[in-house]
Amino acid sequence: MSFPADSAAGRSPPGRVRTPLAAADLAGYDAIIDARSPGEFAEDHLPGAINLPVLDDAERALVGTAHAEQGAFAAKRIGAPLVSANIARHLAGALADRPRTWRPLVYCWRGGSRSGSLTHVLRQVGWDAVQLDGGYKAFRRQVSADLAELPCRFAYRVVCGATGSGKSRLLEALARAGAQVLDLEQLARHRGSVLGDLPGDPQPTQKAFETLLWHALSGLDTGREVFVESESRKVGNLRVPDSLIERMRSSPCLRLEAPQAVRIALLMEDYAHLIADAALLHGKLRCLTPLHGHARIAEWEALADKGDHHRLVAELLEQHYDPAYQRSMARNYTGLATAQPLPVTSAGAQAFDALARALAQAA
């Protein structure tokens, strides 16, 4: 691995590395250790990192309060035994079986005392531990800067099609066929509509989504086409970076064309959890009240209560999703008018695999 030059020796000193980091650099370590608290880790972390906190959330708050009220010496006196006990616990537990040749990258918020303490102990043991200068804060700046220009390095083919036409399934089939795929809905843990959140699988934070996106883009080949779905600026609660969405909107498109029966079958599969949970379905339908009024929502709720889900899905497509899709696509994706049509004849995986193989071979 090559390191950016520092002002003194032309490279990072032993045991330290600086940003910018490439995804390939991260893969060169045996482990990436986040020494921050569990709460900080949950908000976002470097790809593939494990959390071995030097201070947990309560301890971090305690030390921070001591620093603010009593000064640095008091904070260090309170924090030192906590840090020592936590590092000892990690050495006896999570790190007990690591071999002599093990080489981890360690970071905290700013590359300060938390990661410094852990890195020092690991190096004293004999492992070639490396501390990330600038910590997560520097990495976060890098991700933000990279996402302003990294998406522009690729040529995209945008998969379009009305709701229920199988766009996500085609992306999955394309990935199986060996094509390059950027699946924003998978990264965002959301299907991209008011009904689209995944049960028991909350969306990541905006920062975590951007880190996942940075990592995904970093692993793609700029010399090959990338297939991506025609998303809006937001996927659920998460915002797609402007550089990516603008690049997508100016790219050539494919258009999936599926008859209503196939679309209903696909949506019934995708939203089986809503069909099985009447209260959850009612709650989602009520989110559409500002657009369709109380009377129509009541009609849709009645269809759900009767178990007439086929008719409910058909009406949602005709009265909500299709008009919204047509307005949005006409406004945002100029390549739709000349898009290559792709007929979807079945809801089965074989139909999408056949389409994907043909597209992958032509790409």
Protein backbone atom coordinates (compact mmCIF):
# COMPACT_ATOMS: atom_id res chain seq x y z
CA MET A 1 0.00 0.00 0.00
CA SER A 2 1.22 3.48 -0.76
CA PHE A 3 0.61 6.31 1.68
CA PRO A 4 0.21 10.04 1.06
CA ALA A 5 3.43 11.91 1.77
CA ASP A 6 3.77 13.79 5.04
CA SER A 7 5.84 16.93 5.38
CA ALA A 8 8.67 15.32 7.30
CA ALA A 9 9.56 11.93 5.92
CA GLY A 10 7.58 11.63 2.69
CA ARG A 11 5.26 8.98 4.12
CA SER A 12 3.14 8.27 7.16
CA PRO A 13 5.18 7.28 10.21
CA PRO A 14 5.17 3.62 11.34
CA GLY A 15 1.86 2.58 12.80
CA ARG A 16 -0.16 5.38 11.17
CA VAL A 17 -1.92 5.91 7.86
CA ARG A 18 -3.70 8.95 6.45
CA THR A 19 -6.68 9.56 4.24
CA PRO A 20 -7.52 9.43 1.40
CA LEU A 21 -8.08 5.69 1.61
CA ALA A 22 -9.22 3.56 -1.30
CA ALA A 23 -11.52 0.60 -0.83
CA ALA A 24 -8.61 -1.61 -1.92
CA ASP A 25 -6.53 -0.16 0.93
CA LEU A 26 -9.18 -1.18 3.45
CA ALA A 27 -9.21 -4.70 2.05
CA GLY A 28 -5.48 -4.92 2.77
CA TYR A 29 -6.03 -5.07 6.54
CA ASP A 30 -6.98 -8.20 8.46
CA ALA A 31 -9.53 -6.20 10.45
CA ILE A 32 -10.81 -2.64 10.73
CA ILE A 33 -11.46 -1.72 14.36
CA ASP A 34 -13.73 1.15 15.33
CA ALA A 35 -12.72 2.21 18.84
CA ARG A 36 -15.61 4.67 19.20
CA SER A 37 -18.68 4.09 21.33
CA PRO A 38 -21.52 1.83 20.12
CA GLY A 39 -23.72 4.85 19.45
CA GLU A 40 -21.13 6.47 17.20
CA PHE A 41 -20.56 3.16 15.42
CA ALA A 42 -24.30 2.68 14.80
CA GLU A 43 -24.56 6.04 13.04
CA ASP A 44 -21.84 5.12 10.53
CA HIS A 45 -18.50 3.37 10.32
CA LEU A 46 -15.85 2.37 7.83
CA PRO A 47 -16.91 -0.52 5.57
CA GLY A 48 -16.35 -3.88 7.24
CA ALA A 49 -15.42 -2.40 10.62
CA ILE A 50 -16.03 -4.14 13.91
CA ASN A 51 -16.80 -2.16 17.07
CA LEU A 52 -14.38 -2.61 19.97
CA PRO A 53 -15.19 0.49 22.00
CA VAL A 54 -12.52 1.95 24.24
CA LEU A 55 -15.32 3.82 26.02
CA ASP A 56 -18.98 2.87 25.81
CA ASP A 57 -21.68 5.52 25.40
CA ALA A 58 -22.19 6.13 29.12
CA GLU A 59 -18.44 6.20 29.81
CA ARG A 60 -17.84 8.60 26.94
CA ALA A 61 -20.52 10.93 28.31
CA LEU A 62 -18.97 10.71 31.78
CA VAL A 63 -15.48 11.57 30.54
CA GLY A 64 -16.82 14.34 28.30
CA THR A 65 -18.70 15.94 31.18
CA ALA A 66 -15.61 15.74 33.38
CA HIS A 67 -13.55 17.43 30.67
CA ALA A 68 -16.06 20.24 30.27
CA GLU A 69 -16.53 20.84 34.00
CA GLN A 70 -13.16 19.93 35.53
CA GLY A 71 -10.61 20.01 32.73
CA ALA A 72 -8.42 17.61 30.77
CA PHE A 73 -6.53 16.14 33.74
CA ALA A 74 -9.68 15.11 35.56
CA ALA A 75 -11.14 13.64 32.40
CA LYS A 76 -8.00 11.58 31.76
CA ARG A 77 -7.86 10.40 35.36
CA ILE A 78 -11.46 9.20 35.13
CA GLY A 79 -11.09 7.77 31.64
CA ALA A 80 -7.77 5.94 32.00
CA PRO A 81 -9.01 3.03 34.16
CA LEU A 82 -12.12 2.69 31.98
CA VAL A 83 -10.04 2.59 28.80
CA SER A 84 -7.61 0.10 30.35
CA ALA A 85 -10.40 -2.21 31.50
CA ASN A 86 -12.13 -2.14 28.11
CA ILE A 87 -8.94 -2.82 26.17
CA ALA A 88 -8.13 -5.70 28.53
CA ARG A 89 -11.59 -7.13 27.94
CA HIS A 90 -11.13 -6.97 24.16
CA LEU A 91 -7.71 -8.65 24.40
CA ALA A 92 -9.12 -11.48 26.48
CA GLY A 93 -12.27 -11.79 24.37
CA ALA A 94 -12.68 -10.69 20.76
CA LEU A 95 -8.92 -10.58 20.05
CA ALA A 96 -7.81 -13.62 22.02
CA ASP A 97 -7.27 -15.88 19.01
CA ARG A 98 -5.55 -13.45 16.61
CA PRO A 99 -2.26 -14.77 15.16
CA ARG A 100 1.11 -13.02 15.38
CA THR A 101 0.82 -11.80 11.77
CA TRP A 102 -2.55 -10.11 12.33
CA ARG A 103 -2.61 -6.50 11.03
CA PRO A 104 -5.59 -4.30 11.95
CA LEU A 105 -6.47 -0.69 11.10
CA VAL A 106 -7.74 1.19 14.17
CA TYR A 107 -9.64 4.47 14.24
CA CYS A 108 -11.77 6.66 16.50
CA TRP A 109 -13.50 10.00 15.96
CA ARG A 110 -10.44 12.16 15.20
CA GLY A 111 -7.54 9.71 15.41
CA GLY A 112 -6.83 10.79 18.96
CA SER A 113 -6.45 9.14 22.33
CA ARG A 114 -9.06 6.41 21.99
CA SER A 115 -7.63 4.80 18.87
CA GLY A 116 -4.13 5.81 19.97
CA SER A 117 -4.48 3.91 23.24
CA LEU A 118 -5.79 0.78 21.57
CA THR A 119 -3.20 0.91 18.79
CA HIS A 120 -0.38 1.34 21.31
CA VAL A 121 -1.43 -1.72 23.32
CA LEU A 122 -1.91 -3.84 20.20
CA ARG A 123 1.56 -2.88 18.96
CA GLN A 124 3.04 -3.63 22.38
CA VAL A 125 1.55 -7.11 22.15
CA GLY A 126 3.37 -7.54 18.84
CA TRP A 127 0.71 -6.95 16.22
CA ASP A 128 1.34 -4.52 13.36
CA ALA A 129 -1.61 -2.32 14.29
CA VAL A 130 -2.07 0.88 12.24
CA GLN A 131 -3.89 3.99 13.46
CA LEU A 132 -5.91 6.12 11.02
CA ASP A 133 -4.76 9.73 11.27
CA GLY A 134 -7.74 12.02 11.48
CA GLY A 135 -10.01 9.10 12.32
CA TYR A 136 -13.59 8.75 11.17
CA LYS A 137 -13.89 12.53 10.78
CA ALA A 138 -11.22 12.56 8.05
CA PHE A 139 -12.74 9.51 6.37
CA ARG A 140 -16.15 11.17 6.38
CA ARG A 141 -14.70 14.25 4.66
CA GLN A 142 -13.17 11.97 2.05
CA VAL A 143 -16.46 10.17 1.38
CA SER A 144 -18.29 13.47 0.94
CA ALA A 145 -15.64 14.75 -1.45
CA ASP A 146 -15.45 11.50 -3.42
CA LEU A 147 -19.22 11.29 -3.88
CA ALA A 148 -19.17 14.70 -5.56
CA GLU A 149 -17.11 13.31 -8.45
CA LEU A 150 -16.89 9.49 -8.23
CA PRO A 151 -20.35 8.83 -9.79
CA CYS A 152 -19.33 10.82 -12.87
CA ARG A 153 -16.65 8.28 -13.77
CA PHE A 154 -19.19 5.68 -14.89
CA ALA A 155 -21.51 5.10 -17.84
CA TYR A 156 -24.97 4.03 -16.65
CA ARG A 157 -27.86 2.15 -18.21
CA VAL A 158 -31.01 3.08 -16.32
CA VAL A 159 -33.66 0.40 -15.80
CA CYS A 160 -37.07 2.08 -16.03
CA GLY A 161 -40.56 0.67 -15.83
CA ALA A 162 -43.84 1.27 -14.03
CA THR A 163 -44.28 0.14 -10.43
CA GLY A 164 -44.40 -3.65 -10.25
CA SER A 165 -42.67 -4.26 -13.58
CA GLY A 166 -39.74 -5.97 -11.89
CA LYS A 167 -36.93 -3.40 -11.97
CA SER A 168 -35.30 -4.66 -8.78
CA ARG A 169 -35.64 -8.26 -9.91
CA LEU A 170 -33.93 -7.46 -13.18
CA LEU A 171 -31.04 -5.83 -11.30
CA GLU A 172 -30.70 -8.94 -9.16
CA ALA A 173 -30.72 -11.11 -12.29
CA LEU A 174 -28.15 -8.85 -13.95
CA ALA A 175 -25.85 -9.25 -10.96
CA ARG A 176 -26.23 -13.02 -11.19
CA ALA A 177 -25.37 -12.79 -14.89
CA GLY A 178 -22.12 -11.00 -14.14
CA ALA A 179 -23.15 -7.47 -15.12
CA GLN A 180 -22.16 -4.44 -13.05
CA VAL A 181 -25.08 -3.33 -10.90
CA LEU A 182 -25.60 -0.44 -8.49
CA ASP A 183 -28.68 -1.32 -6.44
CA LEU A 184 -29.62 1.84 -4.55
CA GLU A 185 -32.72 0.32 -2.99
CA GLN A 186 -30.68 -2.54 -1.56
CA LEU A 187 -28.14 -0.09 -0.11
CA ALA A 188 -30.94 2.10 1.27
CA ARG A 189 -32.94 -0.86 2.61
CA HIS A 190 -36.12 0.49 1.00
CA ARG A 191 -38.22 -0.18 -2.10
CA GLY A 192 -38.58 3.49 -2.89
CA SER A 193 -42.31 4.15 -2.33
CA VAL A 194 -44.57 5.08 0.55
CA LEU A 195 -45.17 1.34 1.08
CA GLY A 196 -41.54 0.46 0.52
CA ASP A 197 -39.92 0.12 3.93
CA LEU A 198 -38.69 -3.39 4.73
CA PRO A 199 -40.18 -5.08 7.82
CA GLY A 200 -37.71 -5.40 10.67
CA ASP A 201 -34.96 -3.82 8.57
CA PRO A 202 -34.68 -0.07 9.24
CA GLN A 203 -32.94 2.21 6.81
CA PRO A 204 -29.34 3.20 7.54
CA THR A 205 -28.52 6.75 8.48
CA GLN A 206 -27.73 9.18 5.67
CA LYS A 207 -24.03 9.00 6.54
CA ALA A 208 -24.06 5.20 6.55
CA PHE A 209 -25.90 5.14 3.21
CA GLU A 210 -23.28 7.41 1.69
CA THR A 211 -20.48 5.20 3.03
CA LEU A 212 -22.16 2.12 1.54
CA LEU A 213 -22.58 3.94 -1.76
CA TRP A 214 -18.94 5.07 -1.74
CA HIS A 215 -17.81 1.51 -1.11
CA ALA A 216 -20.07 0.10 -3.85
CA LEU A 217 -18.92 2.63 -6.44
CA SER A 218 -15.29 2.10 -5.45
CA GLY A 219 -15.60 -1.56 -6.38
CA LEU A 220 -16.92 -0.94 -9.91
CA ASP A 221 -14.93 -0.94 -13.14
CA THR A 222 -15.09 2.42 -14.93
CA GLY A 223 -14.58 0.64 -18.24
CA ARG A 224 -17.84 -1.30 -17.97
CA GLU A 225 -21.45 -0.14 -18.04
CA VAL A 226 -23.33 0.06 -14.74
CA PHE A 227 -27.01 -0.90 -14.52
CA VAL A 228 -29.06 1.15 -12.06
CA GLU A 229 -32.77 1.65 -11.35
CA SER A 230 -34.55 4.92 -12.18
CA GLU A 231 -34.78 6.25 -8.64
CA SER A 232 -36.05 9.56 -7.35
CA ARG A 233 -33.78 11.92 -5.46
CA LYS A 234 -34.84 10.17 -2.27
CA VAL A 235 -35.08 6.45 -1.55
CA GLY A 236 -37.30 6.33 1.50
CA ASN A 237 -35.80 8.90 3.84
CA LEU A 238 -32.35 8.85 2.24
CA ARG A 239 -31.10 11.32 -0.34
CA VAL A 240 -29.15 10.17 -3.39
CA PRO A 241 -26.11 12.41 -4.00
CA ASP A 242 -26.76 15.08 -6.61
CA SER A 243 -23.79 14.02 -8.74
CA LEU A 244 -25.19 10.50 -9.08
CA ILE A 245 -28.83 11.36 -9.69
CA GLU A 246 -27.95 13.95 -12.33
CA ARG A 247 -25.67 11.48 -14.09
CA MET A 248 -28.41 8.84 -14.03
CA ARG A 249 -31.02 11.21 -15.40
CA SER A 250 -28.90 11.99 -18.44
CA SER A 251 -28.11 8.33 -19.21
CA PRO A 252 -29.72 5.95 -21.73
CA CYS A 253 -32.64 3.91 -20.45
CA LEU A 254 -34.24 0.47 -20.70
CA ARG A 255 -38.00 0.17 -20.22
CA LEU A 256 -39.59 -2.91 -18.70
CA GLU A 257 -43.11 -3.53 -20.02
CA ALA A 258 -45.25 -5.95 -18.04
CA PRO A 259 -48.99 -6.63 -18.25
CA GLN A 260 -51.05 -5.72 -15.22
CA ALA A 261 -51.48 -9.35 -14.12
CA VAL A 262 -47.71 -9.82 -13.93
CA ARG A 263 -47.28 -6.53 -12.08
CA ILE A 264 -49.93 -7.48 -9.52
CA ALA A 265 -48.31 -10.88 -8.99
CA LEU A 266 -44.90 -9.29 -8.42
CA LEU A 267 -46.26 -6.70 -6.01
CA MET A 268 -48.23 -9.33 -4.07
CA GLU A 269 -44.93 -11.16 -3.52
CA ASP A 270 -42.97 -8.04 -2.62
CA TYR A 271 -45.56 -6.77 -0.17
CA ALA A 272 -46.67 -10.06 1.38
CA HIS A 273 -45.84 -8.65 4.82
CA LEU A 274 -48.42 -5.88 4.33
CA ILE A 275 -51.07 -8.33 3.17
CA ALA A 276 -50.43 -10.39 6.29
CA ASP A 277 -50.66 -7.40 8.65
CA ALA A 278 -53.92 -5.49 8.21
CA ALA A 279 -53.05 -2.80 10.75
CA LEU A 280 -49.73 -2.09 9.07
CA LEU A 281 -51.36 -1.93 5.64
CA HIS A 282 -54.03 0.47 6.90
CA GLY A 283 -51.33 2.71 8.35
CA LYS A 284 -49.48 2.81 5.05
CA LEU A 285 -52.62 3.55 3.06
CA ARG A 286 -53.46 6.45 5.35
CA CYS A 287 -50.14 8.06 4.39
CA LEU A 288 -51.74 8.61 0.98
CA THR A 289 -54.68 10.58 2.40
CA PRO A 290 -53.29 14.03 1.45
CA LEU A 291 -53.10 12.88 -2.17
CA HIS A 292 -56.37 10.94 -2.50
CA GLY A 293 -58.70 12.08 0.27
CA HIS A 294 -60.38 10.23 3.09
CA ALA A 295 -63.15 8.69 0.98
CA ARG A 296 -60.85 6.88 -1.42
CA ILE A 297 -58.56 5.70 1.39
CA ALA A 298 -61.62 4.30 3.14
CA GLU A 299 -62.51 2.38 -0.03
CA TRP A 300 -59.03 0.91 -0.22
CA GLU A 301 -59.10 -0.03 3.45
CA ALA A 302 -62.43 -1.79 2.86
CA LEU A 303 -60.88 -3.82 0.03
CA ALA A 304 -58.04 -4.79 2.35
CA ASP A 305 -60.47 -5.81 5.09
CA LYS A 306 -62.37 -8.00 2.62
CA GLY A 307 -59.15 -9.66 1.50
CA ASP A 308 -59.58 -8.39 -2.05
CA HIS A 309 -55.91 -7.56 -2.37
CA HIS A 310 -55.77 -8.10 -6.13
CA ARG A 311 -58.30 -5.37 -6.70
CA LEU A 312 -56.61 -3.15 -4.11
CA VAL A 313 -53.27 -3.46 -5.88
CA ALA A 314 -54.89 -2.85 -9.26
CA GLU A 315 -56.53 0.36 -8.03
CA LEU A 316 -53.33 1.55 -6.38
CA LEU A 317 -51.52 1.06 -9.67
CA GLU A 318 -54.16 2.76 -11.77
CA GLN A 319 -54.99 5.65 -9.46
CA HIS A 320 -51.74 6.33 -7.62
CA TYR A 321 -48.55 4.71 -8.86
CA ASP A 322 -48.94 4.88 -12.63
CA PRO A 323 -49.91 8.57 -12.82
CA ALA A 324 -47.15 9.50 -10.37
CA TYR A 325 -44.60 7.44 -12.30
CA GLN A 326 -45.52 8.97 -15.64
CA ARG A 327 -45.24 12.51 -14.29
CA SER A 328 -41.93 11.87 -12.58
CA MET A 329 -40.29 9.99 -15.44
CA ALA A 330 -41.37 12.49 -18.10
CA ARG A 331 -39.90 15.28 -16.00
CA ASN A 332 -36.66 13.65 -14.90
CA TYR A 333 -35.48 10.91 -17.28
CA THR A 334 -35.13 12.29 -20.78
CA GLY A 335 -33.82 8.95 -22.09
CA LEU A 336 -37.16 7.27 -21.44
CA ALA A 337 -38.59 8.45 -24.76
CA THR A 338 -35.98 6.46 -26.69
CA ALA A 339 -35.64 3.61 -24.17
CA GLN A 340 -35.20 0.06 -25.37
CA PRO A 341 -38.44 -1.84 -24.53
CA LEU A 342 -38.07 -5.12 -22.66
CA PRO A 343 -41.23 -7.25 -22.41
CA VAL A 344 -41.74 -9.04 -19.09
CA THR A 345 -43.92 -12.07 -19.79
CA SER A 346 -43.83 -13.76 -16.39
CA ALA A 347 -43.28 -13.02 -12.72
CA GLY A 348 -40.94 -15.99 -12.46
CA ALA A 349 -37.17 -15.70 -11.97
CA GLN A 350 -36.47 -17.46 -15.27
CA ALA A 351 -38.01 -14.62 -17.28
CA PHE A 352 -35.75 -12.06 -15.59
CA ASP A 353 -32.69 -14.30 -15.88
CA ALA A 354 -33.27 -14.59 -19.64
CA LEU A 355 -33.54 -10.81 -20.00
CA ALA A 356 -30.45 -10.31 -17.86
CA ARG A 357 -28.33 -12.75 -19.83
CA ALA A 358 -29.19 -10.99 -23.09
CA LEU A 359 -28.40 -7.56 -21.62
CA ALA A 360 -25.17 -8.72 -19.97
CA GLN A 361 -23.92 -10.22 -23.20
CA ALA A 362 -24.64 -7.02 -25.09
CA ALA A 363 -23.11 -4.73 -22.46
